N, C-alpha and C. Protein backbone atom coordinates (compact mmCIF):
# COMPACT_ATOMS: atom_id res chain seq x y z
N UNK A 1 1.98 26.50 29.82
CA UNK A 1 0.73 25.78 28.69
C UNK A 1 1.30 25.66 27.59
N UNK A 2 1.85 27.05 27.06
CA UNK A 2 2.86 26.47 25.98
C UNK A 2 3.67 25.28 25.75
N UNK A 3 4.42 24.88 26.60
CA UNK A 3 5.26 23.84 26.76
C UNK A 3 4.03 22.32 26.48
N UNK A 4 3.55 22.18 26.97
CA UNK A 4 2.45 21.66 27.10
C UNK A 4 2.18 20.96 25.74
N UNK A 5 1.17 22.31 25.10
CA UNK A 5 0.87 22.13 24.31
C UNK A 5 1.76 21.77 23.01
N UNK A 6 3.20 22.39 23.01
CA UNK A 6 4.36 21.95 22.16
C UNK A 6 4.57 20.88 22.02
N UNK A 7 5.15 19.68 23.31
CA UNK A 7 4.99 18.54 23.66
C UNK A 7 4.22 17.74 22.68
N UNK A 8 3.08 17.87 22.98
CA UNK A 8 1.73 17.42 22.79
C UNK A 8 1.61 17.04 21.27
N UNK A 9 1.76 18.39 20.64
CA UNK A 9 1.72 18.35 19.11
C UNK A 9 2.53 17.54 18.02
N UNK A 10 3.55 17.59 18.27
CA UNK A 10 4.44 16.82 17.72
C UNK A 10 3.72 15.35 17.29
N UNK A 11 3.78 15.00 18.91
CA UNK A 11 3.02 13.16 19.12
C UNK A 11 1.98 12.87 18.07
N UNK A 12 0.99 14.19 18.10
CA UNK A 12 -0.30 14.39 17.64
C UNK A 12 0.01 14.45 16.02
N UNK A 13 0.78 15.11 15.75
CA UNK A 13 1.25 15.00 14.11
C UNK A 13 1.80 13.62 13.67
N UNK A 14 2.61 13.49 14.44
CA UNK A 14 3.24 11.59 14.11
C UNK A 14 1.84 10.62 14.08
N UNK A 15 1.40 10.82 15.33
CA UNK A 15 0.47 9.95 15.37
C UNK A 15 -0.77 9.92 14.31
N UNK A 16 -1.28 11.35 13.70
CA UNK A 16 -1.85 11.37 12.26
C UNK A 16 -0.73 10.94 11.08
N UNK A 17 -0.03 11.39 10.86
CA UNK A 17 0.80 10.72 9.49
C UNK A 17 1.19 9.29 9.49
N UNK A 18 1.86 9.24 10.73
CA UNK A 18 2.55 7.98 10.36
C UNK A 18 1.69 7.09 11.42
N UNK A 19 0.89 6.85 12.14
CA UNK A 19 0.78 5.82 13.18
C UNK A 19 -0.88 5.40 13.38
N UNK A 20 -1.52 6.69 13.06
CA UNK A 20 -3.30 6.25 13.04
C UNK A 20 -3.64 5.04 12.09
N UNK A 21 -3.22 5.76 10.68
CA UNK A 21 -3.63 4.18 9.53
C UNK A 21 -3.79 3.18 9.60
N UNK A 22 -2.31 3.04 10.18
CA UNK A 22 -1.50 1.54 10.16
C UNK A 22 -2.21 0.91 11.07
N UNK A 23 -2.70 1.74 12.36
CA UNK A 23 -3.02 1.08 13.75
C UNK A 23 -4.43 0.12 13.15
N UNK A 24 -5.55 1.46 11.99
CA UNK A 24 -6.71 0.58 11.83
C UNK A 24 -6.52 -0.66 11.37
N UNK A 25 -5.61 -1.33 10.72
CA UNK A 25 -5.11 -2.44 9.90
C UNK A 25 -4.42 -3.59 10.89
N UNK A 26 -4.16 -3.05 12.15
CA UNK A 26 -3.84 -3.48 13.21
C UNK A 26 -2.11 -3.72 12.68
N UNK A 27 -1.38 -2.83 12.27
CA UNK A 27 0.01 -2.91 11.70
C UNK A 27 0.46 -1.61 12.28
N UNK A 28 2.11 -2.03 12.65
CA UNK A 28 2.98 -0.82 12.96
C UNK A 28 3.12 -0.14 11.58
N UNK A 29 3.67 0.66 12.02
CA UNK A 29 4.01 1.94 10.73
C UNK A 29 4.80 0.81 10.00
N UNK A 30 6.06 0.20 10.57
CA UNK A 30 6.98 -0.85 9.64
C UNK A 30 5.92 -2.21 8.78
N UNK A 31 5.61 -2.45 9.40
CA UNK A 31 4.75 -3.17 8.92
C UNK A 31 4.05 -3.05 7.33
N UNK A 32 2.83 -2.03 7.93
CA UNK A 32 2.34 -1.35 6.78
C UNK A 32 3.39 -0.57 5.88
N UNK A 33 4.38 -0.02 6.26
CA UNK A 33 5.02 0.57 4.94
C UNK A 33 5.44 -0.85 4.22
N UNK A 34 5.76 -2.09 4.46
CA UNK A 34 5.96 -3.49 3.94
C UNK A 34 5.07 -3.78 3.17
N UNK A 35 3.69 -3.09 3.67
CA UNK A 35 2.66 -4.46 3.30
C UNK A 35 2.78 -3.14 1.57
N UNK A 36 2.55 -1.89 1.55
CA UNK A 36 2.34 -1.38 1.02
C UNK A 36 3.26 -0.84 0.05
N UNK A 37 4.71 -1.24 -0.04
CA UNK A 37 5.96 -1.21 -1.15
C UNK A 37 5.52 -2.63 -2.19
N UNK A 38 5.33 -3.36 -0.98
CA UNK A 38 5.14 -5.03 -1.56
C UNK A 38 3.87 -4.71 -2.86
N UNK A 39 2.76 -4.08 -2.07
CA UNK A 39 1.41 -3.60 -3.20
C UNK A 39 1.69 -3.14 -4.59
N UNK A 40 2.49 -1.95 -3.85
CA UNK A 40 2.59 -1.01 -5.07
C UNK A 40 4.02 -1.72 -6.19
N UNK A 41 4.89 -2.47 -5.65
CA UNK A 41 5.50 -3.51 -6.51
C UNK A 41 4.55 -4.27 -8.03
N UNK A 42 3.60 -4.89 -7.07
CA UNK A 42 2.81 -5.48 -7.77
C UNK A 42 1.50 -4.68 -8.57
N UNK A 43 1.55 -3.81 -8.16
CA UNK A 43 1.15 -2.77 -9.06
C UNK A 43 1.87 -2.27 -10.39
N UNK A 44 2.73 -1.96 -10.29
CA UNK A 44 4.04 -1.56 -10.97
C UNK A 44 4.64 -2.69 -12.29
N UNK A 45 4.35 -4.03 -11.36
CA UNK A 45 4.58 -5.45 -12.22
C UNK A 45 3.09 -5.13 -13.20
N UNK A 46 2.12 -5.55 -12.49
CA UNK A 46 0.86 -5.72 -13.61
C UNK A 46 0.82 -4.14 -14.65
N UNK A 47 1.44 -3.07 -14.82
CA UNK A 47 0.78 -1.90 -14.96
C UNK A 47 2.14 -2.14 -16.55
N UNK A 48 3.32 -3.13 -15.23
CA UNK A 48 4.18 -3.06 -17.05
C UNK A 48 3.64 -4.02 -18.04
N UNK A 49 3.43 -5.41 -17.53
CA UNK A 49 2.92 -6.33 -17.76
C UNK A 49 1.28 -6.02 -19.43
N UNK A 50 0.70 -4.73 -18.56
CA UNK A 50 -0.14 -4.15 -19.34
C UNK A 50 0.17 -3.38 -20.47
N UNK A 51 1.28 -2.75 -20.58
CA UNK A 51 2.06 -2.15 -21.43
C UNK A 51 2.87 -3.04 -22.12
N UNK A 52 3.54 -3.98 -21.99
CA UNK A 52 3.88 -5.03 -23.13
C UNK A 52 2.18 -5.59 -23.74
N UNK A 53 1.59 -6.15 -22.95
CA UNK A 53 0.20 -6.61 -24.03
C UNK A 53 0.22 -5.55 -25.09
N UNK A 54 0.02 -4.50 -24.52
CA UNK A 54 -1.00 -3.61 -25.77
C UNK A 54 -0.30 -3.87 -26.92
N UNK A 55 1.04 -3.47 -26.54
CA UNK A 55 2.39 -3.11 -27.78
C UNK A 55 2.52 -5.03 -28.57
N UNK A 56 2.53 -6.07 -27.56
CA UNK A 56 2.53 -7.33 -28.35
C UNK A 56 0.89 -8.15 -27.65
N UNK A 57 -0.06 -7.98 -28.72
CA UNK A 57 -0.98 -8.63 -27.79
C UNK A 57 -0.80 -10.26 -27.54
N UNK A 58 0.14 -11.40 -27.99
CA UNK A 58 0.60 -12.86 -27.71
C UNK A 58 0.48 -12.54 -26.64
N UNK A 59 1.78 -11.58 -26.13
CA UNK A 59 2.53 -11.60 -24.50
C UNK A 59 1.52 -10.91 -23.45
N UNK A 60 1.86 -11.56 -22.21
CA UNK A 60 1.31 -11.47 -21.00
C UNK A 60 -0.19 -11.01 -20.70
N UNK A 61 -0.84 -12.00 -21.48
CA UNK A 61 -2.48 -11.74 -21.94
C UNK A 61 -3.18 -11.94 -20.59
N UNK A 62 -2.69 -12.93 -19.42
CA UNK A 62 -3.75 -12.61 -18.14
C UNK A 62 -2.81 -12.39 -17.14
N UNK A 63 -1.84 -11.52 -17.27
CA UNK A 63 -0.92 -11.69 -16.37
C UNK A 63 -1.22 -10.39 -15.62
N UNK A 64 -1.91 -9.27 -15.75
CA UNK A 64 -1.97 -7.79 -14.67
C UNK A 64 -3.56 -8.35 -14.15
N UNK A 65 -4.10 -9.15 -15.01
CA UNK A 65 -5.56 -9.39 -14.09
C UNK A 65 -5.29 -10.26 -14.10
N UNK A 66 -4.39 -11.38 -13.57
CA UNK A 66 -4.05 -12.13 -12.51
C UNK A 66 -3.30 -11.26 -11.09
N UNK A 67 -2.58 -10.12 -10.91
CA UNK A 67 -1.94 -9.99 -10.60
C UNK A 67 -2.81 -9.10 -9.94
N UNK A 68 -4.15 -8.46 -10.21
CA UNK A 68 -4.79 -7.55 -10.12
C UNK A 68 -6.13 -8.65 -8.49
N UNK A 69 -6.32 -9.41 -9.64
CA UNK A 69 -7.23 -10.59 -8.48
C UNK A 69 -6.42 -10.77 -7.43
N UNK A 70 -4.93 -11.50 -7.70
CA UNK A 70 -4.50 -11.57 -6.36
C UNK A 70 -4.50 -10.15 -5.23
N UNK A 71 -4.23 -9.35 -5.58
CA UNK A 71 -4.06 -8.30 -4.87
C UNK A 71 -5.30 -7.68 -4.11
N UNK A 72 -6.44 -8.09 -4.84
CA UNK A 72 -7.82 -7.76 -4.12
C UNK A 72 -8.08 -8.59 -3.56
N UNK A 73 -7.83 -10.17 -3.50
CA UNK A 73 -7.57 -11.09 -2.50
C UNK A 73 -7.48 -10.29 -1.08
N UNK A 74 -5.79 -9.89 -1.17
CA UNK A 74 -5.02 -9.27 -0.16
C UNK A 74 -5.47 -8.49 0.95
N UNK A 75 -6.42 -7.83 -0.03
CA UNK A 75 -6.66 -6.57 0.45
C UNK A 75 -7.97 -6.91 1.22
N UNK A 76 -8.55 -7.50 0.60
CA UNK A 76 -9.81 -8.36 1.34
C UNK A 76 -9.72 -9.08 2.53
N UNK A 77 -9.19 -9.92 2.44
CA UNK A 77 -8.40 -10.78 3.53
C UNK A 77 -7.70 -9.71 4.90
N UNK A 78 -7.40 -8.78 4.58
CA UNK A 78 -7.51 -7.88 5.53
C UNK A 78 -8.47 -7.02 6.62
N UNK A 79 -9.54 -6.78 5.60
CA UNK A 79 -10.57 -6.48 6.51
C UNK A 79 -11.81 -6.74 6.95
């Protein structure tokens, strides 16, 4: 009995930690990773644009808000 429990447990952990959430948006683990990394890249870019705008108000006036709108549209299109 402990053999079957040990065999099932790792796949259950793998499923819970790596596969369950990507499956909710019909993606594999690697498809979801790619989407999340791309999303993170644009969030960081928007953050940097906001920092630049904070120091130099004439620069990047709409960059952060434009990026965030596009990211919101991407998220809305997935669900």
